[in-house]
Amino acid sequence: MTCAPARRITGLAAARVRARVPVRIARAGRSQRAASAELVTFRGLTDGREHLACVWQPLPAVPLVRVHSECLTGDVFGSLRCDCGPQLDEAVEVLSGTGGILLYLRQEGRGIGLYNKLDAYLLQDRGADTYTANRLLGRGEDERDYLPAAQMLLGLGAREIHLITNNPEKVGQLERYGVTVRSVRPTRVHVNPHNQNYLKAKGTIARHRLDGVTRDATAACKGTA
């Protein structure tokens, strides 16, 4: 998939690298072997949050990139209500094997914060979808801003990228902020019995791509299995 160009914002200030810290990374409980990487911190991010990049070498001239928003419940505790943890595992596996960049953005709950996200879970248990639940709390359906991600990429010298995502909003925002998305590589759709309605809402409301899965899983995401 090649992305259509978006209207660009010119003159965006790149973030400045603050520190590069070597680490050995392997997702707990996974078969992945530990791989050497760097955790990179930044100065000059517009929102002032402590976002970071994880960089695996060798880094191609046009690197493969995953922009991943923080999800404590999925990334850390393995919650089955979403697909965030498995998407993070997939990104680490792919990028540690090929070289690339993982941007880890501190935008919990699509930008509404951890406590609000948990409140939204209660509303979802009463029948609201994940986007309607945010609105019922007086928040936006998706409040994430990928301007800091663009600043981080520019600070790393990555003005052109290949992007791992199912979310067209990420592509549009990065392009608007001056990062050329050469191609999009969809993630697998990590469906389970507990996140089917969540994935259905992502596909029908936010237009996330839900292809590249087995027939049964696709049916489940559409609520027909």
C-alpha atoms as a PDB file:
ATOM      1  CA  MET A   1       0.000   0.000   0.000  1.00  0.00           C
ATOM      2  CA  THR A   2       1.385   3.397  -0.995  1.00  0.00           C
ATOM      3  CA  CYS A   3       0.105   6.432   0.874  1.00  0.00           C
ATOM      4  CA  ALA A   4      -1.443   9.450  -0.762  1.00  0.00           C
ATOM      5  CA  PRO A   5       0.313  12.699   0.095  1.00  0.00           C
ATOM      6  CA  ALA A   6      -1.231  14.886   2.799  1.00  0.00           C
ATOM      7  CA  ARG A   7      -1.096  18.648   3.160  1.00  0.00           C
ATOM      8  CA  ARG A   8       2.150  19.341   4.988  1.00  0.00           C
ATOM      9  CA  ILE A   9       3.022  21.652   7.836  1.00  0.00           C
ATOM     10  CA  THR A  10       6.386  23.257   7.091  1.00  0.00           C
ATOM     11  CA  GLY A  11       9.019  24.463   9.527  1.00  0.00           C
ATOM     12  CA  LEU A  12       8.484  21.758  12.144  1.00  0.00           C
ATOM     13  CA  ALA A  13      11.305  21.733  14.688  1.00  0.00           C
ATOM     14  CA  ALA A  14      12.931  18.338  15.049  1.00  0.00           C
ATOM     15  CA  ALA A  15      13.415  16.972  18.547  1.00  0.00           C
ATOM     16  CA  ARG A  16      16.974  16.849  19.866  1.00  0.00           C
ATOM     17  CA  VAL A  17      18.444  13.574  21.052  1.00  0.00           C
ATOM     18  CA  ARG A  18      18.985  13.780  24.811  1.00  0.00           C
ATOM     19  CA  ALA A  19      20.576  10.365  25.480  1.00  0.00           C
ATOM     20  CA  ARG A  20      21.139   6.989  23.851  1.00  0.00           C
ATOM     21  CA  VAL A  21      21.093   4.036  26.245  1.00  0.00           C
ATOM     22  CA  PRO A  22      22.121   0.531  25.062  1.00  0.00           C
ATOM     23  CA  VAL A  23      19.778  -2.240  26.192  1.00  0.00           C
ATOM     24  CA  ARG A  24      19.073  -5.909  25.516  1.00  0.00           C
ATOM     25  CA  ILE A  25      15.390  -6.375  24.743  1.00  0.00           C
ATOM     26  CA  ALA A  26      13.201  -9.469  24.648  1.00  0.00           C
ATOM     27  CA  ARG A  27       9.503  -9.421  25.394  1.00  0.00           C
ATOM     28  CA  ALA A  28       8.792 -11.471  28.541  1.00  0.00           C
ATOM     29  CA  GLY A  29       7.184 -14.835  27.981  1.00  0.00           C
ATOM     30  CA  ARG A  30       7.934 -14.815  24.264  1.00  0.00           C
ATOM     31  CA  SER A  31      10.206 -17.008  22.198  1.00  0.00           C
ATOM     32  CA  GLN A  32      12.140 -13.990  20.947  1.00  0.00           C
ATOM     33  CA  ARG A  33      15.804 -13.989  21.823  1.00  0.00           C
ATOM     34  CA  ALA A  34      17.246 -10.855  23.357  1.00  0.00           C
ATOM     35  CA  ALA A  35      18.464  -8.325  20.800  1.00  0.00           C
ATOM     36  CA  SER A  36      20.694  -5.309  21.251  1.00  0.00           C
ATOM     37  CA  ALA A  37      18.964  -1.959  20.883  1.00  0.00           C
ATOM     38  CA  GLU A  38      19.168   1.653  21.985  1.00  0.00           C
ATOM     39  CA  LEU A  39      16.565   3.529  24.002  1.00  0.00           C
ATOM     40  CA  VAL A  40      16.654   7.140  22.860  1.00  0.00           C
ATOM     41  CA  THR A  41      15.283  10.082  24.849  1.00  0.00           C
ATOM     42  CA  PHE A  42      14.616  13.563  23.496  1.00  0.00           C
ATOM     43  CA  ARG A  43      14.487  17.259  24.231  1.00  0.00           C
ATOM     44  CA  GLY A  44      12.199  19.761  22.552  1.00  0.00           C
ATOM     45  CA  LEU A  45       9.035  17.645  22.221  1.00  0.00           C
ATOM     46  CA  THR A  46       6.032  19.943  21.894  1.00  0.00           C
ATOM     47  CA  ASP A  47       3.868  18.195  24.500  1.00  0.00           C
ATOM     48  CA  GLY A  48       6.622  17.853  27.113  1.00  0.00           C
ATOM     49  CA  ARG A  49       5.958  14.144  27.685  1.00  0.00           C
ATOM     50  CA  GLU A  50       8.614  11.469  28.133  1.00  0.00           C
ATOM     51  CA  HIS A  51       8.174   9.648  24.822  1.00  0.00           C
ATOM     52  CA  LEU A  52      11.050   7.457  23.713  1.00  0.00           C
ATOM     53  CA  ALA A  53      12.387   5.579  20.725  1.00  0.00           C
ATOM     54  CA  CYS A  54      13.771   2.075  20.627  1.00  0.00           C
ATOM     55  CA  VAL A  55      16.224   1.671  17.769  1.00  0.00           C
ATOM     56  CA  TRP A  56      17.572  -1.599  16.380  1.00  0.00           C
ATOM     57  CA  GLN A  57      20.529  -1.640  14.013  1.00  0.00           C
ATOM     58  CA  PRO A  58      21.294  -1.866  11.180  1.00  0.00           C
ATOM     59  CA  LEU A  59      19.032   1.079  10.419  1.00  0.00           C
ATOM     60  CA  PRO A  60      18.236   1.317   6.690  1.00  0.00           C
ATOM     61  CA  ALA A  61      18.205   4.651   4.882  1.00  0.00           C
ATOM     62  CA  VAL A  62      14.410   4.390   4.871  1.00  0.00           C
ATOM     63  CA  PRO A  63      13.713   2.579   8.133  1.00  0.00           C
ATOM     64  CA  LEU A  64      10.781   0.427   9.142  1.00  0.00           C
ATOM     65  CA  VAL A  65       8.898   2.191  11.956  1.00  0.00           C
ATOM     66  CA  ARG A  66       6.188   1.293  14.449  1.00  0.00           C
ATOM     67  CA  VAL A  67       4.461   4.153  16.311  1.00  0.00           C
ATOM     68  CA  HIS A  68       2.973   2.522  19.411  1.00  0.00           C
ATOM     69  CA  SER A  69       0.838   4.323  21.982  1.00  0.00           C
ATOM     70  CA  GLU A  70       1.287   3.280  25.587  1.00  0.00           C
ATOM     71  CA  CYS A  71      -1.237   0.754  26.939  1.00  0.00           C
ATOM     72  CA  LEU A  72      -0.427  -0.279  30.497  1.00  0.00           C
ATOM     73  CA  THR A  73      -3.226  -2.837  30.651  1.00  0.00           C
ATOM     74  CA  GLY A  74      -2.262  -4.544  27.400  1.00  0.00           C
ATOM     75  CA  ASP A  75       1.486  -3.949  27.154  1.00  0.00           C
ATOM     76  CA  VAL A  76       2.315  -4.779  30.788  1.00  0.00           C
ATOM     77  CA  PHE A  77      -0.539  -6.840  32.231  1.00  0.00           C
ATOM     78  CA  GLY A  78      -1.524  -8.696  29.054  1.00  0.00           C
ATOM     79  CA  SER A  79      -5.174  -7.607  29.057  1.00  0.00           C
ATOM     80  CA  LEU A  80      -7.233  -9.362  26.403  1.00  0.00           C
ATOM     81  CA  ARG A  81      -9.637  -6.425  26.003  1.00  0.00           C
ATOM     82  CA  CYS A  82      -7.443  -4.904  23.282  1.00  0.00           C
ATOM     83  CA  ASP A  83      -4.753  -5.913  20.806  1.00  0.00           C
ATOM     84  CA  CYS A  84      -2.025  -3.557  22.060  1.00  0.00           C
ATOM     85  CA  GLY A  85       0.222  -6.092  23.800  1.00  0.00           C
ATOM     86  CA  PRO A  86       0.312  -8.492  20.832  1.00  0.00           C
ATOM     87  CA  GLN A  87       0.943  -5.594  18.451  1.00  0.00           C
ATOM     88  CA  LEU A  88       3.881  -4.498  20.599  1.00  0.00           C
ATOM     89  CA  ASP A  89       5.235  -8.061  20.641  1.00  0.00           C
ATOM     90  CA  GLU A  90       4.896  -8.256  16.877  1.00  0.00           C
ATOM     91  CA  ALA A  91       6.700  -4.943  16.380  1.00  0.00           C
ATOM     92  CA  VAL A  92       9.600  -5.938  18.646  1.00  0.00           C
ATOM     93  CA  GLU A  93       9.936  -9.270  16.848  1.00  0.00           C
ATOM     94  CA  VAL A  94       9.945  -7.686  13.389  1.00  0.00           C
ATOM     95  CA  LEU A  95      12.134  -4.667  14.129  1.00  0.00           C
ATOM     96  CA  SER A  96      14.719  -6.562  16.154  1.00  0.00           C
ATOM     97  CA  GLY A  97      15.127  -8.903  13.187  1.00  0.00           C
ATOM     98  CA  THR A  98      15.289  -6.336  10.389  1.00  0.00           C
ATOM     99  CA  GLY A  99      16.480  -3.153  12.079  1.00  0.00           C
ATOM    100  CA  GLY A 100      14.138  -0.244  12.602  1.00  0.00           C
ATOM    101  CA  ILE A 101      12.524   2.154  15.047  1.00  0.00           C
ATOM    102  CA  LEU A 102       9.789   1.704  17.636  1.00  0.00           C
ATOM    103  CA  LEU A 103       8.358   4.964  18.956  1.00  0.00           C
ATOM    104  CA  TYR A 104       6.686   4.445  22.336  1.00  0.00           C
ATOM    105  CA  LEU A 105       4.298   7.340  22.934  1.00  0.00           C
ATOM    106  CA  ARG A 106       2.905   8.159  26.377  1.00  0.00           C
ATOM    107  CA  GLN A 107      -0.668   8.525  25.114  1.00  0.00           C
ATOM    108  CA  GLU A 108      -2.595   6.048  27.263  1.00  0.00           C
ATOM    109  CA  GLY A 109      -6.185   5.335  26.291  1.00  0.00           C
ATOM    110  CA  ARG A 110      -5.930   7.053  22.901  1.00  0.00           C
ATOM    111  CA  GLY A 111      -4.826  10.162  24.758  1.00  0.00           C
ATOM    112  CA  ILE A 112      -7.431  10.334  27.567  1.00  0.00           C
ATOM    113  CA  GLY A 113      -5.239   8.822  30.300  1.00  0.00           C
ATOM    114  CA  LEU A 114      -5.236   5.606  32.320  1.00  0.00           C
ATOM    115  CA  TYR A 115      -8.006   6.392  34.810  1.00  0.00           C
ATOM    116  CA  ASN A 116     -10.334   7.650  32.099  1.00  0.00           C
ATOM    117  CA  LYS A 117      -9.572   4.573  30.022  1.00  0.00           C
ATOM    118  CA  LEU A 118     -10.584   2.321  32.891  1.00  0.00           C
ATOM    119  CA  ASP A 119     -13.770   4.356  33.349  1.00  0.00           C
ATOM    120  CA  ALA A 120     -14.413   3.838  29.645  1.00  0.00           C
ATOM    121  CA  TYR A 121     -14.067   0.085  30.180  1.00  0.00           C
ATOM    122  CA  LEU A 122     -17.015   0.216  32.585  1.00  0.00           C
ATOM    123  CA  LEU A 123     -19.102   1.975  29.951  1.00  0.00           C
ATOM    124  CA  GLN A 124     -18.060  -0.628  27.392  1.00  0.00           C
ATOM    125  CA  ASP A 125     -19.254  -3.341  29.770  1.00  0.00           C
ATOM    126  CA  ARG A 126     -22.674  -1.654  29.591  1.00  0.00           C
ATOM    127  CA  GLY A 127     -22.740  -1.800  25.787  1.00  0.00           C
ATOM    128  CA  ALA A 128     -20.869   1.275  24.520  1.00  0.00           C
ATOM    129  CA  ASP A 129     -18.153   0.786  21.929  1.00  0.00           C
ATOM    130  CA  THR A 130     -14.640   2.014  22.707  1.00  0.00           C
ATOM    131  CA  TYR A 131     -15.101   5.333  20.851  1.00  0.00           C
ATOM    132  CA  THR A 132     -18.589   6.102  22.188  1.00  0.00           C
ATOM    133  CA  ALA A 133     -17.342   5.386  25.712  1.00  0.00           C
ATOM    134  CA  ASN A 134     -14.716   8.125  25.351  1.00  0.00           C
ATOM    135  CA  ARG A 135     -17.377  10.581  24.191  1.00  0.00           C
ATOM    136  CA  LEU A 136     -19.652   9.682  27.113  1.00  0.00           C
ATOM    137  CA  LEU A 137     -16.785  10.703  29.392  1.00  0.00           C
ATOM    138  CA  GLY A 138     -16.663  14.092  27.689  1.00  0.00           C
ATOM    139  CA  ARG A 139     -13.473  13.279  25.792  1.00  0.00           C
ATOM    140  CA  GLY A 140     -12.625  12.894  22.124  1.00  0.00           C
ATOM    141  CA  GLU A 141     -12.894   9.548  20.386  1.00  0.00           C
ATOM    142  CA  ASP A 142      -9.145   9.658  19.765  1.00  0.00           C
ATOM    143  CA  GLU A 143      -7.116  12.518  21.241  1.00  0.00           C
ATOM    144  CA  ARG A 144      -3.696  11.315  20.123  1.00  0.00           C
ATOM    145  CA  ASP A 145      -1.416  13.785  18.374  1.00  0.00           C
ATOM    146  CA  TYR A 146       1.470  12.357  16.358  1.00  0.00           C
ATOM    147  CA  LEU A 147       3.381  15.640  16.175  1.00  0.00           C
ATOM    148  CA  PRO A 148       5.882  14.403  18.819  1.00  0.00           C
ATOM    149  CA  ALA A 149       6.351  11.202  16.802  1.00  0.00           C
ATOM    150  CA  ALA A 150       7.208  13.277  13.733  1.00  0.00           C
ATOM    151  CA  GLN A 151       9.625  15.380  15.788  1.00  0.00           C
ATOM    152  CA  MET A 152      11.326  12.232  17.082  1.00  0.00           C
ATOM    153  CA  LEU A 153      11.679  10.746  13.613  1.00  0.00           C
ATOM    154  CA  LEU A 154      13.107  13.979  12.242  1.00  0.00           C
ATOM    155  CA  GLY A 155      15.498  14.116  15.198  1.00  0.00           C
ATOM    156  CA  LEU A 156      16.685  10.624  14.293  1.00  0.00           C
ATOM    157  CA  GLY A 157      17.183  11.658  10.667  1.00  0.00           C
ATOM    158  CA  ALA A 158      14.242   9.563   9.435  1.00  0.00           C
ATOM    159  CA  ARG A 159      12.410  11.881   7.059  1.00  0.00           C
ATOM    160  CA  GLU A 160      11.163   8.946   4.970  1.00  0.00           C
ATOM    161  CA  ILE A 161       9.882   5.722   6.525  1.00  0.00           C
ATOM    162  CA  HIS A 162       8.047   2.494   5.983  1.00  0.00           C
ATOM    163  CA  LEU A 163       5.291   2.382   8.613  1.00  0.00           C
ATOM    164  CA  ILE A 164       3.848  -0.624  10.459  1.00  0.00           C
ATOM    165  CA  THR A 165       0.207   0.236  11.163  1.00  0.00           C
ATOM    166  CA  ASN A 166      -3.434  -0.515  10.489  1.00  0.00           C
ATOM    167  CA  ASN A 167      -4.432   3.044  11.404  1.00  0.00           C
ATOM    168  CA  PRO A 168      -4.835   5.540   8.530  1.00  0.00           C
ATOM    169  CA  GLU A 169      -4.803   8.461  10.997  1.00  0.00           C
ATOM    170  CA  LYS A 170      -1.160   7.780  11.847  1.00  0.00           C
ATOM    171  CA  VAL A 171      -0.236   7.906   8.186  1.00  0.00           C
ATOM    172  CA  GLY A 172      -2.145  11.130   7.586  1.00  0.00           C
ATOM    173  CA  GLN A 173      -0.732  12.943  10.617  1.00  0.00           C
ATOM    174  CA  LEU A 174       2.882  11.912   9.998  1.00  0.00           C
ATOM    175  CA  GLU A 175       2.611  13.013   6.369  1.00  0.00           C
ATOM    176  CA  ARG A 176       1.072  16.312   7.456  1.00  0.00           C
ATOM    177  CA  TYR A 177       3.954  16.901   9.868  1.00  0.00           C
ATOM    178  CA  GLY A 178       6.573  16.375   7.193  1.00  0.00           C
ATOM    179  CA  VAL A 179       7.471  12.668   7.401  1.00  0.00           C
ATOM    180  CA  THR A 180       7.120  10.851   4.084  1.00  0.00           C
ATOM    181  CA  VAL A 181       5.474   7.445   4.495  1.00  0.00           C
ATOM    182  CA  ARG A 182       6.835   5.446   1.577  1.00  0.00           C
ATOM    183  CA  SER A 183       4.713   2.385   2.306  1.00  0.00           C
ATOM    184  CA  VAL A 184       2.473   0.848   4.952  1.00  0.00           C
ATOM    185  CA  ARG A 185       2.939  -2.628   6.357  1.00  0.00           C
ATOM    186  CA  PRO A 186      -0.216  -3.747   8.175  1.00  0.00           C
ATOM    187  CA  THR A 187       0.043  -5.480  11.511  1.00  0.00           C
ATOM    188  CA  ARG A 188      -1.566  -8.825  12.083  1.00  0.00           C
ATOM    189  CA  VAL A 189      -5.047  -8.615  13.566  1.00  0.00           C
ATOM    190  CA  HIS A 190      -4.762 -10.181  17.009  1.00  0.00           C
ATOM    191  CA  VAL A 191      -8.323 -11.273  17.634  1.00  0.00           C
ATOM    192  CA  ASN A 192      -9.491 -13.180  20.703  1.00  0.00           C
ATOM    193  CA  PRO A 193     -12.928 -13.865  22.264  1.00  0.00           C
ATOM    194  CA  HIS A 194     -12.627 -10.781  24.492  1.00  0.00           C
ATOM    195  CA  ASN A 195     -11.677  -8.076  21.978  1.00  0.00           C
ATOM    196  CA  GLN A 196     -14.004  -8.777  19.053  1.00  0.00           C
ATOM    197  CA  ASN A 197     -16.254  -5.742  19.633  1.00  0.00           C
ATOM    198  CA  TYR A 198     -13.189  -3.565  20.180  1.00  0.00           C
ATOM    199  CA  LEU A 199     -11.702  -4.620  16.844  1.00  0.00           C
ATOM    200  CA  LYS A 200     -15.048  -4.263  15.107  1.00  0.00           C
ATOM    201  CA  ALA A 201     -15.261  -0.644  16.318  1.00  0.00           C
ATOM    202  CA  LYS A 202     -11.695   0.059  15.151  1.00  0.00           C
ATOM    203  CA  GLY A 203     -12.576  -1.242  11.697  1.00  0.00           C
ATOM    204  CA  THR A 204     -16.000   0.356  11.233  1.00  0.00           C
ATOM    205  CA  ILE A 205     -15.525   3.683  13.057  1.00  0.00           C
ATOM    206  CA  ALA A 206     -11.815   4.496  12.713  1.00  0.00           C
ATOM    207  CA  ARG A 207     -11.327   2.603   9.443  1.00  0.00           C
ATOM    208  CA  HIS A 208      -8.437   0.494  10.678  1.00  0.00           C
ATOM    209  CA  ARG A 209      -7.392  -2.235   8.288  1.00  0.00           C
ATOM    210  CA  LEU A 210      -8.468  -5.658   9.513  1.00  0.00           C
ATOM    211  CA  ASP A 211      -7.270  -7.790   6.628  1.00  0.00           C
ATOM    212  CA  GLY A 212      -4.405 -10.258   6.698  1.00  0.00           C
ATOM    213  CA  VAL A 213      -6.133 -12.649   9.104  1.00  0.00           C
ATOM    214  CA  THR A 214      -7.724 -16.070   8.837  1.00  0.00           C
ATOM    215  CA  ARG A 215     -11.293 -16.337   7.647  1.00  0.00           C
ATOM    216  CA  ASP A 216     -12.553 -17.325  11.096  1.00  0.00           C
ATOM    217  CA  ALA A 217     -10.774 -14.437  12.784  1.00  0.00           C
ATOM    218  CA  THR A 218     -12.123 -11.972  10.243  1.00  0.00           C
ATOM    219  CA  ALA A 219     -15.628 -13.256  10.851  1.00  0.00           C
ATOM    220  CA  ALA A 220     -15.128 -12.909  14.577  1.00  0.00           C
ATOM    221  CA  CYS A 221     -14.012  -9.296  14.217  1.00  0.00           C
ATOM    222  CA  LYS A 222     -17.165  -8.567  12.232  1.00  0.00           C
ATOM    223  CA  GLY A 223     -19.246 -10.052  15.023  1.00  0.00           C
ATOM    224  CA  THR A 224     -20.543 -12.925  12.868  1.00  0.00           C
ATOM    225  CA  ALA A 225     -18.640 -15.815  14.438  1.00  0.00           C
END
